Amino acid sequence: MADLTGVTWRKSSRSQGADNCVEVAVTTNTIGVRDTKDRAAGYFTATGSQWSAFLDAVKTSRFD
């Protein structure tokens, strides 16, 4: 897992201030994702191509 110490984490603008969402950190070669409610639990990472494939699957409702 990549070390994301010191990176900027951001929540979706669609979260509307809620605490039940995820945060994303983007570096030049890694995407990090963590739970807003439990930041101490850690995070997982993905490559740019893995993240793009995931977002495409979400946008095209392949998880329904």
N, C-alpha and C. Protein backbone atom coordinates (compact mmCIF):
# COMPACT_ATOMS: atom_id res chain seq x y z
N MET A 1 0.85 -1.17 0.00
CA MET A 1 0.00 0.00 0.00
C MET A 1 0.90 1.23 0.00
N ALA A 2 0.52 2.19 -0.81
CA ALA A 2 1.26 3.44 -0.90
C ALA A 2 1.11 4.26 0.37
N ASP A 3 2.15 4.99 0.71
CA ASP A 3 2.09 5.88 1.87
C ASP A 3 1.46 7.20 1.45
N LEU A 4 0.31 7.52 2.01
CA LEU A 4 -0.40 8.75 1.66
C LEU A 4 -0.33 9.79 2.77
N THR A 5 0.68 9.69 3.61
CA THR A 5 0.88 10.67 4.67
C THR A 5 1.08 12.05 4.06
N GLY A 6 0.34 13.01 4.54
CA GLY A 6 0.51 14.39 4.09
C GLY A 6 -0.26 14.76 2.83
N VAL A 7 -1.01 13.83 2.25
CA VAL A 7 -1.78 14.18 1.06
C VAL A 7 -3.08 14.88 1.45
N THR A 8 -3.70 15.53 0.52
CA THR A 8 -4.98 16.19 0.75
C THR A 8 -6.11 15.23 0.43
N TRP A 9 -6.95 14.98 1.41
CA TRP A 9 -8.14 14.14 1.23
C TRP A 9 -9.32 15.04 0.97
N ARG A 10 -10.24 14.63 0.08
CA ARG A 10 -11.42 15.44 -0.18
C ARG A 10 -12.66 14.56 -0.25
N LYS A 11 -13.77 15.15 0.18
CA LYS A 11 -15.07 14.48 0.08
C LYS A 11 -15.77 14.95 -1.18
N SER A 12 -16.68 14.15 -1.66
CA SER A 12 -17.47 14.52 -2.81
C SER A 12 -18.27 15.79 -2.52
N SER A 13 -18.41 16.63 -3.51
CA SER A 13 -19.24 17.82 -3.35
C SER A 13 -20.70 17.43 -3.17
N ARG A 14 -21.06 16.21 -3.51
CA ARG A 14 -22.44 15.73 -3.35
C ARG A 14 -22.72 15.20 -1.96
N SER A 15 -21.72 15.17 -1.09
CA SER A 15 -21.94 14.66 0.26
C SER A 15 -22.77 15.62 1.11
N GLN A 16 -22.85 16.87 0.71
CA GLN A 16 -23.64 17.89 1.38
C GLN A 16 -23.38 17.97 2.88
N GLY A 17 -22.12 17.85 3.25
CA GLY A 17 -21.74 17.98 4.66
C GLY A 17 -21.97 16.75 5.50
N ALA A 18 -22.45 15.68 4.92
CA ALA A 18 -22.72 14.46 5.67
C ALA A 18 -21.41 13.76 6.05
N ASP A 19 -21.47 12.95 7.09
CA ASP A 19 -20.28 12.22 7.53
C ASP A 19 -20.27 10.77 7.05
N ASN A 20 -21.28 10.35 6.30
CA ASN A 20 -21.36 8.96 5.88
C ASN A 20 -20.97 8.81 4.41
N CYS A 21 -19.76 9.20 4.12
CA CYS A 21 -19.28 9.09 2.75
C CYS A 21 -17.80 8.72 2.78
N VAL A 22 -17.20 8.69 1.63
CA VAL A 22 -15.78 8.37 1.55
C VAL A 22 -15.00 9.61 1.15
N GLU A 23 -13.72 9.56 1.42
CA GLU A 23 -12.81 10.62 1.01
C GLU A 23 -11.81 10.02 0.03
N VAL A 24 -11.34 10.84 -0.89
CA VAL A 24 -10.40 10.40 -1.91
C VAL A 24 -9.17 11.29 -1.88
N ALA A 25 -8.01 10.67 -2.04
CA ALA A 25 -6.74 11.41 -2.18
C ALA A 25 -6.10 10.97 -3.49
N VAL A 26 -5.63 11.92 -4.26
CA VAL A 26 -5.05 11.61 -5.57
C VAL A 26 -3.59 12.06 -5.60
N THR A 27 -2.71 11.13 -5.98
CA THR A 27 -1.31 11.47 -6.21
C THR A 27 -1.01 11.19 -7.68
N THR A 28 0.22 11.32 -8.09
CA THR A 28 0.54 11.12 -9.50
C THR A 28 0.32 9.68 -9.96
N ASN A 29 0.42 8.70 -9.05
CA ASN A 29 0.24 7.32 -9.49
C ASN A 29 -0.65 6.47 -8.58
N THR A 30 -1.30 7.09 -7.61
CA THR A 30 -2.13 6.33 -6.67
C THR A 30 -3.39 7.11 -6.31
N ILE A 31 -4.48 6.37 -6.16
CA ILE A 31 -5.73 6.92 -5.64
C ILE A 31 -5.96 6.26 -4.30
N GLY A 32 -6.19 7.04 -3.25
CA GLY A 32 -6.50 6.49 -1.93
C GLY A 32 -7.96 6.75 -1.59
N VAL A 33 -8.58 5.79 -0.92
CA VAL A 33 -9.98 5.93 -0.52
C VAL A 33 -10.11 5.53 0.94
N ARG A 34 -10.82 6.34 1.73
CA ARG A 34 -11.03 6.01 3.14
C ARG A 34 -12.44 6.41 3.57
N ASP A 35 -12.88 5.85 4.67
CA ASP A 35 -14.19 6.11 5.24
C ASP A 35 -14.13 7.40 6.06
N THR A 36 -15.00 8.34 5.77
CA THR A 36 -15.02 9.60 6.50
C THR A 36 -15.30 9.41 7.98
N LYS A 37 -16.17 8.46 8.31
CA LYS A 37 -16.55 8.22 9.71
C LYS A 37 -15.44 7.57 10.53
N ASP A 38 -14.54 6.83 9.87
CA ASP A 38 -13.53 6.07 10.58
C ASP A 38 -12.18 6.19 9.89
N ARG A 39 -11.65 7.38 9.87
CA ARG A 39 -10.38 7.65 9.18
C ARG A 39 -9.23 6.83 9.76
N ALA A 40 -9.30 6.52 11.05
CA ALA A 40 -8.23 5.76 11.70
C ALA A 40 -8.19 4.30 11.22
N ALA A 41 -9.25 3.84 10.58
CA ALA A 41 -9.29 2.45 10.10
C ALA A 41 -8.36 2.22 8.92
N GLY A 42 -7.86 3.29 8.34
CA GLY A 42 -6.94 3.14 7.22
C GLY A 42 -7.61 3.47 5.89
N TYR A 43 -6.97 3.06 4.83
CA TYR A 43 -7.45 3.37 3.49
C TYR A 43 -7.00 2.27 2.54
N PHE A 44 -7.61 2.24 1.37
CA PHE A 44 -7.11 1.34 0.34
C PHE A 44 -6.65 2.18 -0.83
N THR A 45 -5.80 1.61 -1.64
CA THR A 45 -5.27 2.34 -2.79
C THR A 45 -5.58 1.59 -4.08
N ALA A 46 -5.58 2.34 -5.15
CA ALA A 46 -5.78 1.79 -6.49
C ALA A 46 -4.91 2.57 -7.46
N THR A 47 -4.61 1.94 -8.57
CA THR A 47 -3.90 2.66 -9.63
C THR A 47 -4.91 3.53 -10.35
N GLY A 48 -4.42 4.43 -11.16
CA GLY A 48 -5.32 5.28 -11.93
C GLY A 48 -6.25 4.48 -12.83
N SER A 49 -5.73 3.44 -13.47
CA SER A 49 -6.58 2.64 -14.37
C SER A 49 -7.61 1.84 -13.58
N GLN A 50 -7.24 1.33 -12.41
CA GLN A 50 -8.20 0.62 -11.57
C GLN A 50 -9.31 1.56 -11.12
N TRP A 51 -8.95 2.76 -10.71
CA TRP A 51 -9.94 3.74 -10.26
C TRP A 51 -10.87 4.13 -11.40
N SER A 52 -10.33 4.35 -12.58
CA SER A 52 -11.16 4.70 -13.74
C SER A 52 -12.15 3.59 -14.06
N ALA A 53 -11.70 2.33 -13.99
CA ALA A 53 -12.59 1.20 -14.25
C ALA A 53 -13.69 1.13 -13.20
N PHE A 54 -13.35 1.39 -11.94
CA PHE A 54 -14.35 1.39 -10.87
C PHE A 54 -15.39 2.48 -11.10
N LEU A 55 -14.93 3.70 -11.38
CA LEU A 55 -15.87 4.81 -11.61
C LEU A 55 -16.77 4.53 -12.81
N ASP A 56 -16.21 3.96 -13.86
CA ASP A 56 -17.01 3.62 -15.03
C ASP A 56 -18.09 2.60 -14.67
N ALA A 57 -17.73 1.62 -13.85
CA ALA A 57 -18.71 0.61 -13.42
C ALA A 57 -19.82 1.24 -12.59
N VAL A 58 -19.48 2.17 -11.71
CA VAL A 58 -20.49 2.84 -10.91
C VAL A 58 -21.41 3.68 -11.79
N LYS A 59 -20.83 4.44 -12.69
CA LYS A 59 -21.61 5.33 -13.56
C LYS A 59 -22.54 4.57 -14.51
N THR A 60 -22.19 3.34 -14.84
CA THR A 60 -23.02 2.56 -15.76
C THR A 60 -23.85 1.51 -15.02
N SER A 61 -23.98 1.67 -13.71
CA SER A 61 -24.85 0.84 -12.87
C SER A 61 -24.54 -0.65 -12.93
N ARG A 62 -23.27 -1.01 -13.04
CA ARG A 62 -22.91 -2.42 -13.08
C ARG A 62 -22.92 -3.07 -11.69
N PHE A 63 -23.20 -2.30 -10.64
CA PHE A 63 -23.25 -2.86 -9.30
C PHE A 63 -24.69 -3.06 -8.82
N ASP A 64 -25.65 -2.79 -9.67
CA ASP A 64 -27.05 -2.94 -9.28
C ASP A 64 -27.45 -4.40 -9.23
